Amino acid sequence: MIQRLLGAWLLTLSLVLGACTPSTDARHSEAVAPLSSGAVQNTTVSPGPSPGASTSPNPAKRGPPLFLWRTVDTAATVYLLGSIHVGTADLYPLDSRIEDAFAQADTLVVEVDTDDEQLAEVIPGFVRKALLPPGQSAFDGLPPAVVERLRAKMSRLQLMPEQLEVFAPWFVTMTISMKEIEASGYSAQYGIDRHFLERARGKLPIVSLERAEDQMQLLLNMDDELQREDLARVADEDQGQGLGRLLDYWRRGDTEALQNEMTEFKTEYPRLFEQLFTKRNLAMAAQIEAFSRKHGVHFVVVGSGHLVGPGSVVDDLRQSGIRVVQQ
């Protein structure tokens, strides 16, 4: 369960990293080669059919609760939609309640606008920082049997271990996870946040709650032991199956199931949970509270894990006195 949650967050960063370009340094150019061969770059949206918008009724999906909340009795109406960052074509059309809420929006608010042109300026330097010092390997400290299984999985996914192992373990974990997710038939093209970014582009103001640089820095500061443990898990876990489970929660509006996994994550890794969720949730909630004091309708799309349980964005808003109801 923990791997699925951390993997889902790493996925968000992989969408951002898809815009990176190789360095001119010889060692960097060779190391970054997996990015251009599909290890991470395939997570960006390539030209092709869009999921498309639909405001027509979808009776089959109208019954269950949604990962959608709305502020009540505030100057502005704020909708909060939990996102899954990759998906399949059959996620669409979305429940008409979601599409109807977006149709009212004056502003789209996301964690990070992955199409922001300024990202191209910061990502190459970030990728260079993910490189290990010469002579070190992402596999250092792992049991030989685990390394063997990792290499076998990477070969099956058409990744080159000798090129990837010069990166930090978290980067290798992210790359393997995304390739395995893609091999399972999921695509960032059908991610919930991508769906609304494409629809809003050129029509609505798009506001980012966070800077990509800050999210990237969280990865660079990740504990070494946790990185190795996470990479070891990837050797034996099917990331596609794990994502399928999260998507099932989302389709059913099963906030309790996701909350249970978040609670387990927090219990097992309290410091990491505080960095990835608690602190970020407070910062996002403060900005969303400011939106609620303005006028109009603001449609906020953030990762589903940020919206469930104690210390979530929804909970923080309620603690500040704002009434928030699930749709």
C-alpha atoms as a PDB file:
ATOM      1  CA  MET A   1       0.000   0.000   0.000  1.00  0.00           C
ATOM      2  CA  ILE A   2       2.761   2.421   0.946  1.00  0.00           C
ATOM      3  CA  GLN A   3       4.510   1.872  -2.372  1.00  0.00           C
ATOM      4  CA  ARG A   4       1.344   2.748  -4.287  1.00  0.00           C
ATOM      5  CA  LEU A   5       0.930   6.028  -2.424  1.00  0.00           C
ATOM      6  CA  LEU A   6       4.537   7.107  -2.738  1.00  0.00           C
ATOM      7  CA  GLY A   7       4.561   5.931  -6.335  1.00  0.00           C
ATOM      8  CA  ALA A   8       1.501   8.045  -7.066  1.00  0.00           C
ATOM      9  CA  TRP A   9       3.311  11.126  -5.770  1.00  0.00           C
ATOM     10  CA  LEU A  10       6.466  10.263  -7.735  1.00  0.00           C
ATOM     11  CA  LEU A  11       4.223   9.992 -10.772  1.00  0.00           C
ATOM     12  CA  THR A  12       3.326  13.661 -10.455  1.00  0.00           C
ATOM     13  CA  LEU A  13       7.014  14.544 -10.635  1.00  0.00           C
ATOM     14  CA  SER A  14       7.553  12.249 -13.593  1.00  0.00           C
ATOM     15  CA  LEU A  15       4.939  14.212 -15.522  1.00  0.00           C
ATOM     16  CA  VAL A  16       6.968  17.353 -14.841  1.00  0.00           C
ATOM     17  CA  LEU A  17      10.275  15.684 -15.692  1.00  0.00           C
ATOM     18  CA  GLY A  18       8.997  14.697 -19.116  1.00  0.00           C
ATOM     19  CA  ALA A  19       9.914  18.160 -20.342  1.00  0.00           C
ATOM     20  CA  CYS A  20      13.611  17.716 -19.560  1.00  0.00           C
ATOM     21  CA  THR A  21      16.367  17.916 -22.148  1.00  0.00           C
ATOM     22  CA  PRO A  22      19.725  16.117 -22.113  1.00  0.00           C
ATOM     23  CA  SER A  23      22.800  17.870 -20.785  1.00  0.00           C
ATOM     24  CA  THR A  24      25.760  18.613 -23.053  1.00  0.00           C
ATOM     25  CA  ASP A  25      28.124  17.058 -20.510  1.00  0.00           C
ATOM     26  CA  ALA A  26      29.275  13.626 -21.776  1.00  0.00           C
ATOM     27  CA  ARG A  27      28.462  11.693 -18.624  1.00  0.00           C
ATOM     28  CA  HIS A  28      25.170  13.543 -18.191  1.00  0.00           C
ATOM     29  CA  SER A  29      24.181  12.959 -21.812  1.00  0.00           C
ATOM     30  CA  GLU A  30      24.703   9.215 -21.485  1.00  0.00           C
ATOM     31  CA  ALA A  31      22.919   9.082 -18.137  1.00  0.00           C
ATOM     32  CA  VAL A  32      19.926  11.085 -19.303  1.00  0.00           C
ATOM     33  CA  ALA A  33      19.524   8.878 -22.384  1.00  0.00           C
ATOM     34  CA  PRO A  34      16.784   6.764 -20.753  1.00  0.00           C
ATOM     35  CA  LEU A  35      14.615   9.873 -20.649  1.00  0.00           C
ATOM     36  CA  SER A  36      14.585  10.178 -24.423  1.00  0.00           C
ATOM     37  CA  SER A  37      14.014   6.446 -24.890  1.00  0.00           C
ATOM     38  CA  GLY A  38      10.719   6.518 -23.034  1.00  0.00           C
ATOM     39  CA  ALA A  39      11.701   5.950 -19.421  1.00  0.00           C
ATOM     40  CA  VAL A  40      10.176   9.196 -18.250  1.00  0.00           C
ATOM     41  CA  GLN A  41       9.505  11.289 -21.311  1.00  0.00           C
ATOM     42  CA  ASN A  42       6.568   9.119 -22.365  1.00  0.00           C
ATOM     43  CA  THR A  43       4.689  10.404 -19.357  1.00  0.00           C
ATOM     44  CA  THR A  44       4.063  13.696 -21.128  1.00  0.00           C
ATOM     45  CA  VAL A  45       1.043  14.035 -23.336  1.00  0.00           C
ATOM     46  CA  SER A  46       1.770  13.348 -26.974  1.00  0.00           C
ATOM     47  CA  PRO A  47      -0.411  14.710 -29.748  1.00  0.00           C
ATOM     48  CA  GLY A  48      -3.459  12.543 -30.179  1.00  0.00           C
ATOM     49  CA  PRO A  49      -7.085  12.218 -29.282  1.00  0.00           C
ATOM     50  CA  SER A  50      -8.167  14.106 -26.203  1.00  0.00           C
ATOM     51  CA  PRO A  51     -10.460  12.470 -23.664  1.00  0.00           C
ATOM     52  CA  GLY A  52     -12.882  15.231 -24.582  1.00  0.00           C
ATOM     53  CA  ALA A  53     -15.434  17.060 -22.552  1.00  0.00           C
ATOM     54  CA  SER A  54     -18.931  15.908 -21.899  1.00  0.00           C
ATOM     55  CA  THR A  55     -21.765  17.690 -20.211  1.00  0.00           C
ATOM     56  CA  SER A  56     -24.314  15.081 -21.178  1.00  0.00           C
ATOM     57  CA  PRO A  57     -25.899  13.056 -18.379  1.00  0.00           C
ATOM     58  CA  ASN A  58     -24.161   9.825 -17.478  1.00  0.00           C
ATOM     59  CA  PRO A  59     -26.778   7.953 -15.405  1.00  0.00           C
ATOM     60  CA  ALA A  60     -24.526   4.970 -14.774  1.00  0.00           C
ATOM     61  CA  LYS A  61     -22.105   7.173 -12.826  1.00  0.00           C
ATOM     62  CA  ARG A  62     -24.478   9.526 -11.042  1.00  0.00           C
ATOM     63  CA  GLY A  63     -25.163   7.401  -7.972  1.00  0.00           C
ATOM     64  CA  PRO A  64     -21.838   6.915  -6.145  1.00  0.00           C
ATOM     65  CA  PRO A  65     -20.168   9.662  -4.103  1.00  0.00           C
ATOM     66  CA  LEU A  66     -17.346  11.478  -5.839  1.00  0.00           C
ATOM     67  CA  PHE A  67     -13.852  12.660  -4.991  1.00  0.00           C
ATOM     68  CA  LEU A  68     -15.406  16.114  -5.312  1.00  0.00           C
ATOM     69  CA  TRP A  69     -16.111  18.653  -2.564  1.00  0.00           C
ATOM     70  CA  ARG A  70     -17.627  22.141  -2.579  1.00  0.00           C
ATOM     71  CA  THR A  71     -17.408  25.056  -0.196  1.00  0.00           C
ATOM     72  CA  VAL A  72     -20.712  26.346   1.183  1.00  0.00           C
ATOM     73  CA  ASP A  73     -21.625  29.846   2.415  1.00  0.00           C
ATOM     74  CA  THR A  74     -18.390  31.409   1.141  1.00  0.00           C
ATOM     75  CA  ALA A  75     -18.067  34.538  -0.983  1.00  0.00           C
ATOM     76  CA  ALA A  76     -16.789  32.413  -3.849  1.00  0.00           C
ATOM     77  CA  THR A  77     -17.678  28.827  -4.654  1.00  0.00           C
ATOM     78  CA  VAL A  78     -14.672  26.513  -4.587  1.00  0.00           C
ATOM     79  CA  TYR A  79     -14.842  22.993  -5.979  1.00  0.00           C
ATOM     80  CA  LEU A  80     -12.134  20.542  -4.889  1.00  0.00           C
ATOM     81  CA  LEU A  81     -11.593  17.555  -7.176  1.00  0.00           C
ATOM     82  CA  GLY A  82      -9.261  14.703  -6.300  1.00  0.00           C
ATOM     83  CA  SER A  83      -7.097  13.701  -9.255  1.00  0.00           C
ATOM     84  CA  ILE A  84      -5.511  10.501 -10.487  1.00  0.00           C
ATOM     85  CA  HIS A  85      -2.596  11.534 -12.683  1.00  0.00           C
ATOM     86  CA  VAL A  86      -2.875   8.726 -15.229  1.00  0.00           C
ATOM     87  CA  GLY A  87      -5.812   6.743 -16.479  1.00  0.00           C
ATOM     88  CA  THR A  88      -7.491   5.004 -19.389  1.00  0.00           C
ATOM     89  CA  ALA A  89      -9.935   6.161 -22.019  1.00  0.00           C
ATOM     90  CA  ASP A  90     -12.828   4.471 -20.249  1.00  0.00           C
ATOM     91  CA  LEU A  91     -12.579   6.983 -17.407  1.00  0.00           C
ATOM     92  CA  TYR A  92     -14.442   9.329 -19.733  1.00  0.00           C
ATOM     93  CA  PRO A  93     -16.929  10.858 -19.934  1.00  0.00           C
ATOM     94  CA  LEU A  94     -16.651  11.877 -16.320  1.00  0.00           C
ATOM     95  CA  ASP A  95     -19.639  11.995 -14.021  1.00  0.00           C
ATOM     96  CA  SER A  96     -21.846  14.886 -15.154  1.00  0.00           C
ATOM     97  CA  ARG A  97     -21.634  16.417 -11.659  1.00  0.00           C
ATOM     98  CA  ILE A  98     -17.905  16.946 -12.176  1.00  0.00           C
ATOM     99  CA  GLU A  99     -18.314  18.372 -15.649  1.00  0.00           C
ATOM    100  CA  ASP A 100     -21.166  20.619 -14.535  1.00  0.00           C
ATOM    101  CA  ALA A 101     -19.006  21.994 -11.724  1.00  0.00           C
ATOM    102  CA  PHE A 102     -16.149  22.723 -14.136  1.00  0.00           C
ATOM    103  CA  ALA A 103     -18.542  24.388 -16.575  1.00  0.00           C
ATOM    104  CA  GLN A 104     -19.214  27.033 -13.907  1.00  0.00           C
ATOM    105  CA  ALA A 105     -15.526  27.747 -13.251  1.00  0.00           C
ATOM    106  CA  ASP A 106     -13.893  31.127 -13.675  1.00  0.00           C
ATOM    107  CA  THR A 107     -10.468  29.758 -12.700  1.00  0.00           C
ATOM    108  CA  LEU A 108      -8.702  26.387 -12.831  1.00  0.00           C
ATOM    109  CA  VAL A 109      -6.350  25.756  -9.908  1.00  0.00           C
ATOM    110  CA  VAL A 110      -3.870  22.842 -10.009  1.00  0.00           C
ATOM    111  CA  GLU A 111      -0.904  21.652  -7.963  1.00  0.00           C
ATOM    112  CA  VAL A 112       1.549  22.467 -10.766  1.00  0.00           C
ATOM    113  CA  ASP A 113       0.824  23.427 -14.351  1.00  0.00           C
ATOM    114  CA  THR A 114       2.909  20.786 -16.134  1.00  0.00           C
ATOM    115  CA  ASP A 115       2.706  22.743 -19.398  1.00  0.00           C
ATOM    116  CA  ASP A 116       4.351  25.840 -17.939  1.00  0.00           C
ATOM    117  CA  GLU A 117       7.129  26.814 -20.354  1.00  0.00           C
ATOM    118  CA  GLN A 118       9.314  27.965 -17.461  1.00  0.00           C
ATOM    119  CA  LEU A 119       9.726  24.326 -16.382  1.00  0.00           C
ATOM    120  CA  ALA A 120      12.074  23.737 -19.301  1.00  0.00           C
ATOM    121  CA  GLU A 121      14.535  26.109 -17.653  1.00  0.00           C
ATOM    122  CA  VAL A 122      14.702  24.338 -14.292  1.00  0.00           C
ATOM    123  CA  ILE A 123      14.342  20.655 -15.157  1.00  0.00           C
ATOM    124  CA  PRO A 124      17.748  19.970 -16.773  1.00  0.00           C
ATOM    125  CA  GLY A 125      19.513  21.245 -13.670  1.00  0.00           C
ATOM    126  CA  PHE A 126      17.243  19.166 -11.481  1.00  0.00           C
ATOM    127  CA  VAL A 127      18.022  16.000 -13.461  1.00  0.00           C
ATOM    128  CA  ARG A 128      21.744  16.689 -13.088  1.00  0.00           C
ATOM    129  CA  LYS A 129      21.250  16.944  -9.328  1.00  0.00           C
ATOM    130  CA  ALA A 130      19.641  13.495  -9.384  1.00  0.00           C
ATOM    131  CA  LEU A 131      22.895  12.024 -10.685  1.00  0.00           C
ATOM    132  CA  LEU A 132      25.033  10.225  -8.135  1.00  0.00           C
ATOM    133  CA  PRO A 133      28.728  10.997  -7.659  1.00  0.00           C
ATOM    134  CA  PRO A 134      31.042   9.006  -9.946  1.00  0.00           C
ATOM    135  CA  GLY A 135      31.542   5.441  -8.754  1.00  0.00           C
ATOM    136  CA  GLN A 136      28.226   5.235  -6.898  1.00  0.00           C
ATOM    137  CA  SER A 137      25.192   3.230  -7.979  1.00  0.00           C
ATOM    138  CA  ALA A 138      21.501   3.335  -7.131  1.00  0.00           C
ATOM    139  CA  PHE A 139      21.868  -0.345  -6.302  1.00  0.00           C
ATOM    140  CA  ASP A 140      24.478   0.236  -3.585  1.00  0.00           C
ATOM    141  CA  GLY A 141      23.362  -1.275  -0.267  1.00  0.00           C
ATOM    142  CA  LEU A 142      20.733  -3.550  -1.814  1.00  0.00           C
ATOM    143  CA  PRO A 143      20.992  -7.358  -1.494  1.00  0.00           C
ATOM    144  CA  PRO A 144      22.402  -8.982  -4.647  1.00  0.00           C
ATOM    145  CA  ALA A 145      19.199 -10.989  -5.151  1.00  0.00           C
ATOM    146  CA  VAL A 146      17.141  -7.772  -5.156  1.00  0.00           C
ATOM    147  CA  VAL A 147      19.521  -6.144  -7.627  1.00  0.00           C
ATOM    148  CA  GLU A 148      19.212  -9.172  -9.891  1.00  0.00           C
ATOM    149  CA  ARG A 149      15.411  -8.945  -9.833  1.00  0.00           C
ATOM    150  CA  LEU A 150      15.558  -5.202 -10.506  1.00  0.00           C
ATOM    151  CA  ARG A 151      17.839  -5.700 -13.488  1.00  0.00           C
ATOM    152  CA  ALA A 152      15.552  -8.421 -14.846  1.00  0.00           C
ATOM    153  CA  LYS A 153      12.503  -6.185 -14.529  1.00  0.00           C
ATOM    154  CA  MET A 154      14.291  -3.269 -16.161  1.00  0.00           C
ATOM    155  CA  SER A 155      15.295  -5.492 -19.070  1.00  0.00           C
ATOM    156  CA  ARG A 156      11.677  -6.628 -19.503  1.00  0.00           C
ATOM    157  CA  LEU A 157      10.643  -2.971 -19.602  1.00  0.00           C
ATOM    158  CA  GLN A 158      13.378  -2.192 -22.147  1.00  0.00           C
ATOM    159  CA  LEU A 159      15.296  -0.006 -19.734  1.00  0.00           C
ATOM    160  CA  MET A 160      19.091  -0.064 -19.536  1.00  0.00           C
ATOM    161  CA  PRO A 161      20.284  -0.641 -15.930  1.00  0.00           C
ATOM    162  CA  GLU A 162      23.802   0.599 -16.609  1.00  0.00           C
ATOM    163  CA  GLN A 163      22.435   3.984 -17.659  1.00  0.00           C
ATOM    164  CA  LEU A 164      19.799   4.360 -14.949  1.00  0.00           C
ATOM    165  CA  GLU A 165      21.861   3.216 -11.992  1.00  0.00           C
ATOM    166  CA  VAL A 166      23.943   6.418 -12.090  1.00  0.00           C
ATOM    167  CA  PHE A 167      20.828   8.227 -10.795  1.00  0.00           C
ATOM    168  CA  ALA A 168      19.582   8.382  -7.207  1.00  0.00           C
ATOM    169  CA  PRO A 169      17.344   5.458  -6.166  1.00  0.00           C
ATOM    170  CA  TRP A 170      14.187   7.605  -6.134  1.00  0.00           C
ATOM    171  CA  PHE A 171      14.765   8.486  -9.792  1.00  0.00           C
ATOM    172  CA  VAL A 172      15.209   4.824 -10.737  1.00  0.00           C
ATOM    173  CA  THR A 173      12.063   3.941  -8.774  1.00  0.00           C
ATOM    174  CA  MET A 174      10.089   6.627 -10.591  1.00  0.00           C
ATOM    175  CA  THR A 175      11.334   5.538 -14.003  1.00  0.00           C
ATOM    176  CA  ILE A 176      10.607   1.839 -13.474  1.00  0.00           C
ATOM    177  CA  SER A 177       7.184   2.620 -12.006  1.00  0.00           C
ATOM    178  CA  MET A 178       6.152   4.786 -14.947  1.00  0.00           C
ATOM    179  CA  LYS A 179       7.305   2.265 -17.546  1.00  0.00           C
ATOM    180  CA  GLU A 180       5.434  -0.510 -15.745  1.00  0.00           C
ATOM    181  CA  ILE A 181       2.315   1.637 -15.456  1.00  0.00           C
ATOM    182  CA  GLU A 182       2.465   2.427 -19.167  1.00  0.00           C
ATOM    183  CA  ALA A 183       2.970  -1.254 -19.967  1.00  0.00           C
ATOM    184  CA  SER A 184      -0.252  -1.929 -18.041  1.00  0.00           C
ATOM    185  CA  GLY A 185      -2.183   0.327 -20.411  1.00  0.00           C
ATOM    186  CA  TYR A 186      -2.370   3.553 -18.396  1.00  0.00           C
ATOM    187  CA  SER A 187      -1.470   6.925 -19.861  1.00  0.00           C
ATOM    188  CA  ALA A 188      -0.958  10.456 -18.568  1.00  0.00           C
ATOM    189  CA  GLN A 189      -3.040  11.522 -21.561  1.00  0.00           C
ATOM    190  CA  TYR A 190      -6.082  10.346 -19.599  1.00  0.00           C
ATOM    191  CA  GLY A 191      -5.102  11.784 -16.222  1.00  0.00           C
ATOM    192  CA  ILE A 192      -7.806  13.818 -14.496  1.00  0.00           C
ATOM    193  CA  ASP A 193      -5.668  16.926 -14.107  1.00  0.00           C
ATOM    194  CA  ARG A 194      -4.515  16.658 -17.728  1.00  0.00           C
ATOM    195  CA  HIS A 195      -8.145  16.485 -18.864  1.00  0.00           C
ATOM    196  CA  PHE A 196      -8.985  19.802 -17.225  1.00  0.00           C
ATOM    197  CA  LEU A 197      -5.712  21.530 -18.110  1.00  0.00           C
ATOM    198  CA  GLU A 198      -6.400  20.804 -21.781  1.00  0.00           C
ATOM    199  CA  ARG A 199      -9.939  22.098 -21.506  1.00  0.00           C
ATOM    200  CA  ALA A 200      -8.930  25.277 -19.669  1.00  0.00           C
ATOM    201  CA  ARG A 201      -5.927  26.185 -21.802  1.00  0.00           C
ATOM    202  CA  GLY A 202      -6.563  29.488 -23.526  1.00  0.00           C
ATOM    203  CA  LYS A 203     -10.035  29.801 -22.004  1.00  0.00           C
ATOM    204  CA  LEU A 204      -9.576  30.142 -18.242  1.00  0.00           C
ATOM    205  CA  PRO A 205      -6.840  31.497 -15.985  1.00  0.00           C
ATOM    206  CA  ILE A 206      -4.718  28.595 -14.672  1.00  0.00           C
ATOM    207  CA  VAL A 207      -3.177  28.973 -11.234  1.00  0.00           C
ATOM    208  CA  SER A 208      -0.553  26.670  -9.687  1.00  0.00           C
ATOM    209  CA  LEU A 209      -0.661  26.101  -5.934  1.00  0.00           C
ATOM    210  CA  GLU A 210       2.967  24.996  -5.804  1.00  0.00           C
ATOM    211  CA  ARG A 211       6.221  25.549  -7.632  1.00  0.00           C
ATOM    212  CA  ALA A 212       7.682  22.584  -9.485  1.00  0.00           C
ATOM    213  CA  GLU A 213      11.065  23.436  -7.965  1.00  0.00           C
ATOM    214  CA  ASP A 214       9.693  22.890  -4.461  1.00  0.00           C
ATOM    215  CA  GLN A 215       8.239  19.501  -5.368  1.00  0.00           C
ATOM    216  CA  MET A 216      11.524  18.504  -6.955  1.00  0.00           C
ATOM    217  CA  GLN A 217      13.458  19.545  -3.867  1.00  0.00           C
ATOM    218  CA  LEU A 218      11.395  17.133  -1.773  1.00  0.00           C
ATOM    219  CA  LEU A 219      12.754  14.313  -3.901  1.00  0.00           C
ATOM    220  CA  LEU A 220      16.330  15.517  -3.638  1.00  0.00           C
ATOM    221  CA  ASN A 221      15.970  15.628   0.161  1.00  0.00           C
ATOM    222  CA  MET A 222      14.408  12.166   0.480  1.00  0.00           C
ATOM    223  CA  ASP A 223      16.034   9.940   3.102  1.00  0.00           C
ATOM    224  CA  ASP A 224      18.624   7.537   1.591  1.00  0.00           C
ATOM    225  CA  GLU A 225      17.352   4.519   3.506  1.00  0.00           C
ATOM    226  CA  LEU A 226      13.781   5.156   2.398  1.00  0.00           C
ATOM    227  CA  GLN A 227      14.938   5.504  -1.206  1.00  0.00           C
ATOM    228  CA  ARG A 228      16.664   2.114  -1.095  1.00  0.00           C
ATOM    229  CA  GLU A 229      13.695   0.464   0.599  1.00  0.00           C
ATOM    230  CA  ASP A 230      11.351   1.905  -1.993  1.00  0.00           C
ATOM    231  CA  LEU A 231      13.543   0.742  -4.868  1.00  0.00           C
ATOM    232  CA  ALA A 232      13.706  -2.764  -3.387  1.00  0.00           C
ATOM    233  CA  ARG A 233       9.907  -2.928  -3.302  1.00  0.00           C
ATOM    234  CA  VAL A 234       9.722  -2.085  -6.999  1.00  0.00           C
ATOM    235  CA  ALA A 235      11.601  -5.289  -7.775  1.00  0.00           C
ATOM    236  CA  ASP A 236       8.646  -7.406  -6.646  1.00  0.00           C
ATOM    237  CA  GLU A 237       5.517  -5.216  -6.888  1.00  0.00           C
ATOM    238  CA  ASP A 238       3.459  -4.665 -10.011  1.00  0.00           C
ATOM    239  CA  GLN A 239       2.956  -0.916 -10.190  1.00  0.00           C
ATOM    240  CA  GLY A 240       0.178  -1.259 -12.736  1.00  0.00           C
ATOM    241  CA  GLN A 241      -1.876  -3.390 -10.368  1.00  0.00           C
ATOM    242  CA  GLY A 242      -1.322  -0.927  -7.541  1.00  0.00           C
ATOM    243  CA  LEU A 243      -2.487   1.975  -9.659  1.00  0.00           C
ATOM    244  CA  GLY A 244      -5.499  -0.028 -10.761  1.00  0.00           C
ATOM    245  CA  ARG A 245      -6.532  -0.311  -7.142  1.00  0.00           C
ATOM    246  CA  LEU A 246      -6.282   3.445  -6.613  1.00  0.00           C
ATOM    247  CA  LEU A 247      -8.302   4.054  -9.758  1.00  0.00           C
ATOM    248  CA  ASP A 248     -10.951   1.682  -8.445  1.00  0.00           C
ATOM    249  CA  TYR A 249     -11.220   3.779  -5.277  1.00  0.00           C
ATOM    250  CA  TRP A 250     -11.596   6.894  -7.418  1.00  0.00           C
ATOM    251  CA  ARG A 251     -14.275   5.427  -9.658  1.00  0.00           C
ATOM    252  CA  ARG A 252     -16.312   4.316  -6.629  1.00  0.00           C
ATOM    253  CA  GLY A 253     -15.753   7.528  -4.707  1.00  0.00           C
ATOM    254  CA  ASP A 254     -14.370   5.341  -1.905  1.00  0.00           C
ATOM    255  CA  THR A 255     -12.675   8.004   0.184  1.00  0.00           C
ATOM    256  CA  GLU A 256     -12.593   5.698   3.206  1.00  0.00           C
ATOM    257  CA  ALA A 257     -10.459   3.084   1.430  1.00  0.00           C
ATOM    258  CA  LEU A 258      -7.948   5.728   0.345  1.00  0.00           C
ATOM    259  CA  GLN A 259      -7.972   7.274   3.799  1.00  0.00           C
ATOM    260  CA  ASN A 260      -7.098   3.878   5.305  1.00  0.00           C
ATOM    261  CA  GLU A 261      -4.043   3.665   3.072  1.00  0.00           C
ATOM    262  CA  MET A 262      -3.059   7.224   3.931  1.00  0.00           C
ATOM    263  CA  THR A 263      -3.313   6.365   7.633  1.00  0.00           C
ATOM    264  CA  GLU A 264      -1.040   3.364   7.130  1.00  0.00           C
ATOM    265  CA  PHE A 265       1.429   5.540   5.250  1.00  0.00           C
ATOM    266  CA  LYS A 266       1.433   8.111   8.055  1.00  0.00           C
ATOM    267  CA  THR A 267       1.923   5.443  10.727  1.00  0.00           C
ATOM    268  CA  GLU A 268       4.826   3.784   8.949  1.00  0.00           C
ATOM    269  CA  TYR A 269       6.561   6.942   7.685  1.00  0.00           C
ATOM    270  CA  PRO A 270       5.501   9.884   9.891  1.00  0.00           C
ATOM    271  CA  ARG A 271       8.309  12.237   8.845  1.00  0.00           C
ATOM    272  CA  LEU A 272       7.870  11.568   5.154  1.00  0.00           C
ATOM    273  CA  PHE A 273       4.100  11.938   5.464  1.00  0.00           C
ATOM    274  CA  GLU A 274       4.571  15.312   7.110  1.00  0.00           C
ATOM    275  CA  GLN A 275       6.757  16.486   4.217  1.00  0.00           C
ATOM    276  CA  LEU A 276       4.660  15.081   1.384  1.00  0.00           C
ATOM    277  CA  PHE A 277       1.209  15.775   2.772  1.00  0.00           C
ATOM    278  CA  THR A 278       0.755  17.571   6.109  1.00  0.00           C
ATOM    279  CA  LYS A 279       2.869  20.653   5.380  1.00  0.00           C
ATOM    280  CA  ARG A 280       1.834  20.887   1.752  1.00  0.00           C
ATOM    281  CA  ASN A 281      -1.846  20.453   2.640  1.00  0.00           C
ATOM    282  CA  LEU A 282      -1.684  23.382   5.062  1.00  0.00           C
ATOM    283  CA  ALA A 283      -0.063  25.587   2.437  1.00  0.00           C
ATOM    284  CA  MET A 284      -2.587  24.603  -0.226  1.00  0.00           C
ATOM    285  CA  ALA A 285      -5.526  25.049   2.161  1.00  0.00           C
ATOM    286  CA  ALA A 286      -4.364  28.581   2.996  1.00  0.00           C
ATOM    287  CA  GLN A 287      -4.366  29.520  -0.683  1.00  0.00           C
ATOM    288  CA  ILE A 288      -7.732  27.861  -1.291  1.00  0.00           C
ATOM    289  CA  GLU A 289      -9.174  29.706   1.700  1.00  0.00           C
ATOM    290  CA  ALA A 290      -8.041  32.942   0.048  1.00  0.00           C
ATOM    291  CA  PHE A 291      -9.864  31.926  -3.141  1.00  0.00           C
ATOM    292  CA  SER A 292     -13.023  31.317  -1.113  1.00  0.00           C
ATOM    293  CA  ARG A 293     -12.988  34.977   0.006  1.00  0.00           C
ATOM    294  CA  LYS A 294     -12.962  36.216  -3.580  1.00  0.00           C
ATOM    295  CA  HIS A 295     -15.855  36.153  -6.027  1.00  0.00           C
ATOM    296  CA  GLY A 296     -16.655  33.682  -8.758  1.00  0.00           C
ATOM    297  CA  VAL A 297     -16.199  29.924  -9.050  1.00  0.00           C
ATOM    298  CA  HIS A 298     -12.803  28.272  -8.648  1.00  0.00           C
ATOM    299  CA  PHE A 299     -12.229  24.655  -9.716  1.00  0.00           C
ATOM    300  CA  VAL A 300      -9.315  23.091  -7.829  1.00  0.00           C
ATOM    301  CA  VAL A 301      -7.711  19.813  -8.949  1.00  0.00           C
ATOM    302  CA  VAL A 302      -5.130  18.202  -6.644  1.00  0.00           C
ATOM    303  CA  GLY A 303      -4.041  14.634  -5.939  1.00  0.00           C
ATOM    304  CA  SER A 304      -6.789  12.619  -4.257  1.00  0.00           C
ATOM    305  CA  GLY A 305      -4.548  11.806  -1.300  1.00  0.00           C
ATOM    306  CA  HIS A 306      -4.504  15.488  -0.352  1.00  0.00           C
ATOM    307  CA  LEU A 307      -8.263  15.561   0.199  1.00  0.00           C
ATOM    308  CA  VAL A 308      -9.015  12.671   2.564  1.00  0.00           C
ATOM    309  CA  GLY A 309      -8.614  12.153   6.298  1.00  0.00           C
ATOM    310  CA  PRO A 310      -7.273  14.218   9.195  1.00  0.00           C
ATOM    311  CA  GLY A 311      -4.818  16.894   8.143  1.00  0.00           C
ATOM    312  CA  SER A 312      -6.052  16.873   4.554  1.00  0.00           C
ATOM    313  CA  VAL A 313      -6.836  20.034   2.605  1.00  0.00           C
ATOM    314  CA  VAL A 314     -10.541  19.429   3.221  1.00  0.00           C
ATOM    315  CA  ASP A 315      -9.946  18.927   6.936  1.00  0.00           C
ATOM    316  CA  ASP A 316      -7.719  22.022   7.169  1.00  0.00           C
ATOM    317  CA  LEU A 317     -10.392  24.136   5.506  1.00  0.00           C
ATOM    318  CA  ARG A 318     -12.997  22.840   7.916  1.00  0.00           C
ATOM    319  CA  GLN A 319     -10.693  23.571  10.848  1.00  0.00           C
ATOM    320  CA  SER A 320     -10.477  27.163   9.620  1.00  0.00           C
ATOM    321  CA  GLY A 321     -14.260  27.444   9.793  1.00  0.00           C
ATOM    322  CA  ILE A 322     -15.151  26.824   6.144  1.00  0.00           C
ATOM    323  CA  ARG A 323     -17.983  24.421   5.469  1.00  0.00           C
ATOM    324  CA  VAL A 324     -16.958  21.833   2.845  1.00  0.00           C
ATOM    325  CA  VAL A 325     -19.349  19.139   1.616  1.00  0.00           C
ATOM    326  CA  GLN A 326     -18.675  16.071  -0.502  1.00  0.00           C
ATOM    327  CA  GLN A 327     -20.683  15.842  -3.701  1.00  0.00           C
END
